[in-house]
Amino acid sequence: MNMRDTGINTAEDGIERPLVSIIVPTRNSAKTLETCLKSIKNQSYKNIELILVDNNSTDETKEIARKYTQLVFNKGPERNVQRVYAASKAKGEYLVFIDSDMELPPSLIESALSKCKKEGFDAVILPEIAEGKGFWSDCRRLETICYFNDKLMEAANRFMKAGVYHDIGGYEKEMILQEDFDIHDRLKEAGYRIGRAEEVIRHHEVDSFFKTLGKYYYYTSGVLKPLKKNPKMVMKRNFIIRPAFLRNWRLFINDPVHGLGLMIMKSLQYVAGTLGLLSTLFIRHKPKEQTVLEEVD
């Protein structure tokens, strides 16, 4: 299926429906990608082009992607490089950046677009809730619930006007951590209006707890760049006892087991992140080579 159009679509009712470009970066995403792309296909808003940029997957990611779009590319080495490249290819008036383990509610795009067209917003926060199986997944779910409507922890990095995205400079290729907040902060600094969707994205987290800790080790190695740009906000957002937890203290009282588990999880993430940061400071890493671009027919 090719979910692409060439621009504004005017239906029989005379209402203009601008093209929306949905961008999905992937790497060995076969476990969750089908669910993600089906949820995009099933959007109530239909004037969509789907652009998928893979990073040298060794599983069935590309085969799954080709069932839903002809716009499948290969580029790396990091997800921001993939996003930037996809944005350069996009023809839509609006850009949407979705992760491959996300499931969108059917009316999400239509609702976010309405926020921009009818209420005058330039970008829209798309709330997320973690989904998964097991104790640690339930702890992570509690964490994401705490972030609902939190001005510090929700970011407008996923849905925005294409012109706005390009005006603020888009995603930074070299940034591997806090890139969501970096986009959000630049939107605010530029004076753009930010709204919030009512619908909630289901974020399916299928990695094991220890693999997730490994990701914290890796990604926290990139904290120096956002820390140099906005040290005050980085410290606020990453302090272990976050204002969102304190404000939602009743959730911890009502579910003390997962509340305690969340605190243990955050502590272990801090340990992994600290080790990652120390490795950056004291161990000289060989830079990753740029992945050769390959356009997949």
Protein backbone atom coordinates (compact mmCIF):
# COMPACT_ATOMS: atom_id res chain seq x y z
CA MET A 1 0.00 0.00 0.00
CA ASN A 2 1.28 3.48 -0.85
CA MET A 3 -0.29 6.00 1.52
CA ARG A 4 1.06 8.96 -0.42
CA ASP A 5 -0.64 11.88 -2.08
CA THR A 6 0.77 14.90 -3.86
CA GLY A 7 -0.67 17.65 -1.68
CA ILE A 8 -3.95 19.14 -0.55
CA ASN A 9 -6.94 16.92 -1.14
CA THR A 10 -10.34 18.54 -1.50
CA ALA A 11 -13.17 16.10 -0.88
CA GLU A 12 -16.75 16.30 -2.13
CA ASP A 13 -17.68 18.32 0.96
CA GLY A 14 -15.30 21.07 -0.20
CA ILE A 15 -13.06 20.80 2.87
CA GLU A 16 -9.34 21.02 2.15
CA ARG A 17 -7.31 18.20 3.65
CA PRO A 18 -3.57 18.97 3.62
CA LEU A 19 -1.04 16.21 3.14
CA VAL A 20 0.43 14.87 6.38
CA SER A 21 3.82 13.14 6.26
CA ILE A 22 4.30 10.47 8.91
CA ILE A 23 7.95 9.56 9.50
CA VAL A 24 9.02 6.31 11.16
CA PRO A 25 12.71 5.52 11.87
CA THR A 26 13.44 1.82 12.38
CA ARG A 27 16.17 -0.60 13.37
CA ASN A 28 15.32 -4.29 13.84
CA SER A 29 11.74 -3.28 14.60
CA ALA A 30 9.92 -6.36 13.29
CA LYS A 31 8.34 -7.18 16.67
CA THR A 32 6.33 -3.97 16.83
CA LEU A 33 6.37 -2.46 13.34
CA GLU A 34 3.27 -4.22 11.95
CA THR A 35 1.15 -2.89 14.82
CA CYS A 36 2.55 0.61 14.30
CA LEU A 37 1.97 0.72 10.55
CA LYS A 38 -1.51 -0.79 10.82
CA SER A 39 -2.46 1.97 13.24
CA ILE A 40 -1.23 4.54 10.70
CA LYS A 41 -3.14 2.86 7.88
CA ASN A 42 -6.31 2.88 10.01
CA GLN A 43 -6.26 6.62 10.73
CA SER A 44 -9.57 8.36 10.13
CA TYR A 45 -7.61 11.06 8.30
CA LYS A 46 -6.53 9.59 4.97
CA ASN A 47 -4.39 12.16 3.14
CA ILE A 48 -1.15 10.73 4.50
CA GLU A 49 2.23 9.81 3.10
CA LEU A 50 4.22 7.29 5.09
CA ILE A 51 8.02 7.55 5.03
CA LEU A 52 10.10 4.87 6.70
CA VAL A 53 13.87 5.19 7.14
CA ASP A 54 15.64 2.05 8.32
CA ASN A 55 19.10 1.72 9.84
CA ASN A 56 20.48 -1.53 8.40
CA SER A 57 18.00 -3.91 10.01
CA THR A 58 18.85 -7.59 9.94
CA ASP A 59 15.31 -8.81 10.63
CA GLU A 60 12.12 -8.48 8.55
CA THR A 61 11.67 -4.74 9.17
CA LYS A 62 12.00 -3.66 5.54
CA GLU A 63 9.79 -6.46 4.24
CA ILE A 64 7.04 -5.41 6.64
CA ALA A 65 7.47 -1.75 5.73
CA ARG A 66 7.10 -2.39 1.99
CA LYS A 67 3.60 -3.76 2.58
CA TYR A 68 2.51 -0.30 3.69
CA THR A 69 4.57 2.19 1.68
CA GLN A 70 6.92 2.49 -1.27
CA LEU A 71 8.86 5.19 0.55
CA VAL A 72 11.36 2.97 2.36
CA PHE A 73 14.94 4.21 2.72
CA ASN A 74 18.10 3.19 4.53
CA LYS A 75 20.27 5.62 6.48
CA GLY A 76 22.12 5.91 9.78
CA PRO A 77 23.89 5.82 12.13
CA GLU A 78 21.34 7.35 14.55
CA ARG A 79 17.59 7.97 14.63
CA ASN A 80 17.94 11.74 14.29
CA VAL A 81 19.85 11.27 11.05
CA GLN A 82 16.97 9.09 9.87
CA ARG A 83 14.39 11.70 10.87
CA VAL A 84 16.27 14.56 9.23
CA TYR A 85 16.60 12.63 5.99
CA ALA A 86 12.92 11.66 5.96
CA ALA A 87 11.89 15.27 6.60
CA SER A 88 13.95 16.34 3.58
CA LYS A 89 11.94 13.89 1.44
CA ALA A 90 8.53 14.72 2.91
CA LYS A 91 5.98 16.60 0.81
CA GLY A 92 3.43 17.15 3.57
CA GLU A 93 2.29 20.44 5.03
CA TYR A 94 2.53 18.74 8.41
CA LEU A 95 5.20 16.38 9.77
CA VAL A 96 4.60 13.60 12.28
CA PHE A 97 7.49 11.71 13.90
CA ILE A 98 6.46 8.31 15.23
CA ASP A 99 8.60 5.55 16.77
CA SER A 100 8.28 2.03 15.41
CA ASP A 101 6.97 0.65 18.72
CA MET A 102 4.03 3.06 18.91
CA GLU A 103 0.35 2.40 18.22
CA LEU A 104 -1.77 5.40 17.27
CA PRO A 105 -5.45 5.76 18.18
CA PRO A 106 -7.53 6.01 14.96
CA SER A 107 -8.44 9.69 15.33
CA LEU A 108 -5.03 10.97 16.44
CA ILE A 109 -3.91 12.66 13.21
CA GLU A 110 -7.32 14.16 12.55
CA SER A 111 -7.49 15.50 16.10
CA ALA A 112 -3.96 16.97 16.07
CA LEU A 113 -4.56 18.54 12.67
CA SER A 114 -7.74 20.13 13.97
CA LYS A 115 -5.76 21.66 16.84
CA CYS A 116 -3.58 23.41 14.28
CA LYS A 117 -6.19 24.38 11.70
CA LYS A 118 -9.06 25.37 14.00
CA GLU A 119 -7.28 26.49 17.16
CA GLY A 120 -4.20 28.04 15.61
CA PHE A 121 -1.47 25.87 17.13
CA ASP A 122 1.83 25.34 15.32
CA ALA A 123 2.79 22.09 17.06
CA VAL A 124 0.86 19.55 19.13
CA ILE A 125 1.96 17.39 22.06
CA LEU A 126 0.99 13.74 21.50
CA PRO A 127 0.70 12.11 24.94
CA GLU A 128 2.11 8.60 25.41
CA ILE A 129 1.49 5.75 27.81
CA ALA A 130 3.83 2.78 28.17
CA GLU A 131 2.44 -0.69 27.42
CA GLY A 132 4.12 -4.00 28.14
CA LYS A 133 4.08 -7.22 30.12
CA GLY A 134 5.64 -7.78 33.50
CA PHE A 135 6.45 -5.89 36.68
CA TRP A 136 8.92 -3.41 35.24
CA SER A 137 6.58 -2.55 32.38
CA ASP A 138 3.88 -1.75 34.94
CA CYS A 139 6.35 0.52 36.73
CA ARG A 140 7.15 2.28 33.49
CA ARG A 141 3.42 2.69 32.81
CA LEU A 142 3.02 4.39 36.18
CA GLU A 143 5.86 6.74 35.27
CA THR A 144 4.24 7.79 31.98
CA ILE A 145 0.90 8.37 33.71
CA CYS A 146 2.67 10.77 36.08
CA TYR A 147 3.84 12.79 33.09
CA PHE A 148 0.33 13.45 31.72
CA ASN A 149 -0.22 17.20 31.34
CA ASP A 150 3.16 17.90 32.90
CA LYS A 151 4.67 21.08 31.40
CA LEU A 152 8.19 19.87 32.19
CA MET A 153 8.00 16.28 30.90
CA GLU A 154 5.70 16.39 27.86
CA ALA A 155 7.25 17.55 24.59
CA ALA A 156 5.83 18.83 21.29
CA ASN A 157 8.38 17.00 19.17
CA ARG A 158 6.11 14.69 17.16
CA PHE A 159 3.46 16.75 15.34
CA MET A 160 4.12 20.15 13.79
CA LYS A 161 3.77 22.22 10.68
CA ALA A 162 6.53 21.43 8.20
CA GLY A 163 7.40 25.11 7.87
CA VAL A 164 7.76 25.41 11.63
CA TYR A 165 9.99 22.33 11.79
CA HIS A 166 12.34 23.72 9.15
CA ASP A 167 12.26 27.22 10.64
CA ILE A 168 13.64 26.03 14.00
CA GLY A 169 16.25 23.86 12.27
CA GLY A 170 14.62 20.47 12.78
CA TYR A 171 16.22 17.61 14.68
CA GLU A 172 19.96 17.88 15.30
CA LYS A 173 21.74 14.94 13.67
CA GLU A 174 24.41 14.65 16.35
CA MET A 175 22.02 14.66 19.32
CA ILE A 176 21.17 11.17 20.62
CA LEU A 177 19.61 12.17 23.96
CA GLN A 178 16.95 14.70 24.97
CA GLU A 179 16.23 15.47 21.32
CA ASP A 180 12.51 15.54 22.06
CA PHE A 181 12.91 18.27 24.68
CA ASP A 182 15.40 20.12 22.49
CA ILE A 183 12.76 20.46 19.75
CA HIS A 184 10.14 21.50 22.31
CA ASP A 185 12.35 24.15 23.88
CA ARG A 186 13.27 25.63 20.50
CA LEU A 187 9.60 25.82 19.54
CA LYS A 188 8.87 27.77 22.72
CA GLU A 189 11.88 30.05 22.28
CA ALA A 190 10.75 30.87 18.74
CA GLY A 191 7.31 31.85 20.03
CA TYR A 192 5.33 29.08 18.34
CA ARG A 193 2.00 28.03 19.85
CA ILE A 194 1.87 24.52 21.30
CA GLY A 195 -1.32 22.54 21.81
CA ARG A 196 -2.02 19.07 23.22
CA ALA A 197 -4.01 16.20 21.72
CA GLU A 198 -6.67 14.41 23.73
CA GLU A 199 -5.84 10.96 22.38
CA VAL A 200 -3.00 8.92 23.85
CA ILE A 201 -0.37 6.92 21.94
CA ARG A 202 0.27 3.40 23.22
CA HIS A 203 4.04 2.92 23.43
CA HIS A 204 4.76 -0.82 23.30
CA GLU A 205 8.02 -1.47 25.13
CA VAL A 206 9.11 -5.03 24.36
CA ASP A 207 12.78 -4.88 25.39
CA SER A 208 13.84 -6.67 28.56
CA PHE A 209 14.61 -4.63 31.66
CA PHE A 210 18.35 -5.23 31.34
CA LYS A 211 18.36 -4.33 27.65
CA THR A 212 16.65 -1.07 28.58
CA LEU A 213 19.39 -0.38 31.11
CA GLY A 214 21.90 -0.96 28.32
CA LYS A 215 20.14 1.73 26.29
CA TYR A 216 20.44 4.13 29.20
CA TYR A 217 24.16 3.40 29.33
CA TYR A 218 24.49 4.14 25.63
CA TYR A 219 22.22 7.17 25.27
CA THR A 220 23.39 8.94 28.42
CA SER A 221 26.83 9.02 26.83
CA GLY A 222 25.32 11.77 24.67
CA VAL A 223 24.11 13.96 27.53
CA LEU A 224 26.90 16.52 27.21
CA LYS A 225 25.46 18.14 24.09
CA PRO A 226 21.99 18.92 25.53
CA LEU A 227 23.61 19.78 28.87
CA LYS A 228 25.73 22.47 27.20
CA LYS A 229 22.70 23.89 25.36
CA ASN A 230 20.26 24.04 28.27
CA PRO A 231 21.84 22.88 31.56
CA LYS A 232 19.05 24.16 33.81
CA MET A 233 16.26 22.30 32.00
CA VAL A 234 18.29 19.10 31.58
CA MET A 235 18.95 19.00 35.32
CA LYS A 236 15.30 19.67 36.14
CA ARG A 237 14.02 16.97 33.79
CA ASN A 238 16.48 14.35 34.94
CA PHE A 239 16.50 14.79 38.70
CA ILE A 240 15.60 11.43 40.23
CA ILE A 241 12.76 12.86 42.37
CA ARG A 242 10.78 14.62 39.70
CA PRO A 243 8.04 17.21 40.35
CA ALA A 244 5.64 15.00 38.38
CA PHE A 245 6.12 12.21 40.95
CA LEU A 246 5.53 14.55 43.87
CA ARG A 247 2.43 16.03 42.28
CA ASN A 248 1.01 12.53 41.70
CA TRP A 249 1.82 11.21 45.16
CA ARG A 250 -1.63 9.66 45.41
CA LEU A 251 -0.76 7.24 42.59
CA PHE A 252 2.19 6.02 44.66
CA ILE A 253 0.04 5.67 47.78
CA ASN A 254 -2.62 3.71 45.86
CA ASP A 255 -0.02 1.44 44.21
CA PRO A 256 2.97 1.28 46.59
CA VAL A 257 4.46 -1.86 45.04
CA HIS A 258 4.87 -0.36 41.59
CA GLY A 259 5.66 3.03 43.12
CA LEU A 260 8.63 1.51 44.93
CA GLY A 261 9.53 -0.43 41.80
CA LEU A 262 9.54 2.82 39.81
CA MET A 263 11.99 4.38 42.28
CA ILE A 264 14.25 1.32 42.07
CA MET A 265 14.01 1.38 38.26
CA LYS A 266 14.93 5.07 38.08
CA SER A 267 17.85 4.49 40.46
CA LEU A 268 19.23 1.67 38.30
CA GLN A 269 18.75 3.81 35.20
CA TYR A 270 20.79 6.54 36.89
CA VAL A 271 23.56 4.06 37.66
CA ALA A 272 23.60 2.87 34.04
CA GLY A 273 23.48 6.44 32.77
CA THR A 274 26.31 7.54 35.07
CA LEU A 275 28.48 4.70 33.82
CA GLY A 276 27.68 5.73 30.25
CA LEU A 277 28.63 9.31 30.99
CA LEU A 278 31.89 8.26 32.65
CA SER A 279 32.75 6.12 29.65
CA THR A 280 32.32 9.19 27.45
CA LEU A 281 34.50 11.34 29.66
CA PHE A 282 37.36 8.91 30.20
CA ILE A 283 37.26 6.42 27.32
CA ARG A 284 38.01 7.53 23.80
CA HIS A 285 35.38 6.10 21.47
CA LYS A 286 35.86 5.58 17.77
CA PRO A 287 33.27 7.70 15.88
CA LYS A 288 30.60 5.76 14.04
CA GLU A 289 30.87 5.72 10.31
CA GLN A 290 28.07 7.28 8.30
CA THR A 291 25.82 4.64 6.78
CA VAL A 292 25.72 4.70 3.00
CA LEU A 293 22.34 5.86 1.75
CA GLU A 294 20.32 3.23 -0.01
CA GLU A 295 16.93 3.94 -1.54
CA VAL A 296 14.79 0.82 -1.53
CA ASP A 297 12.38 0.33 -4.39
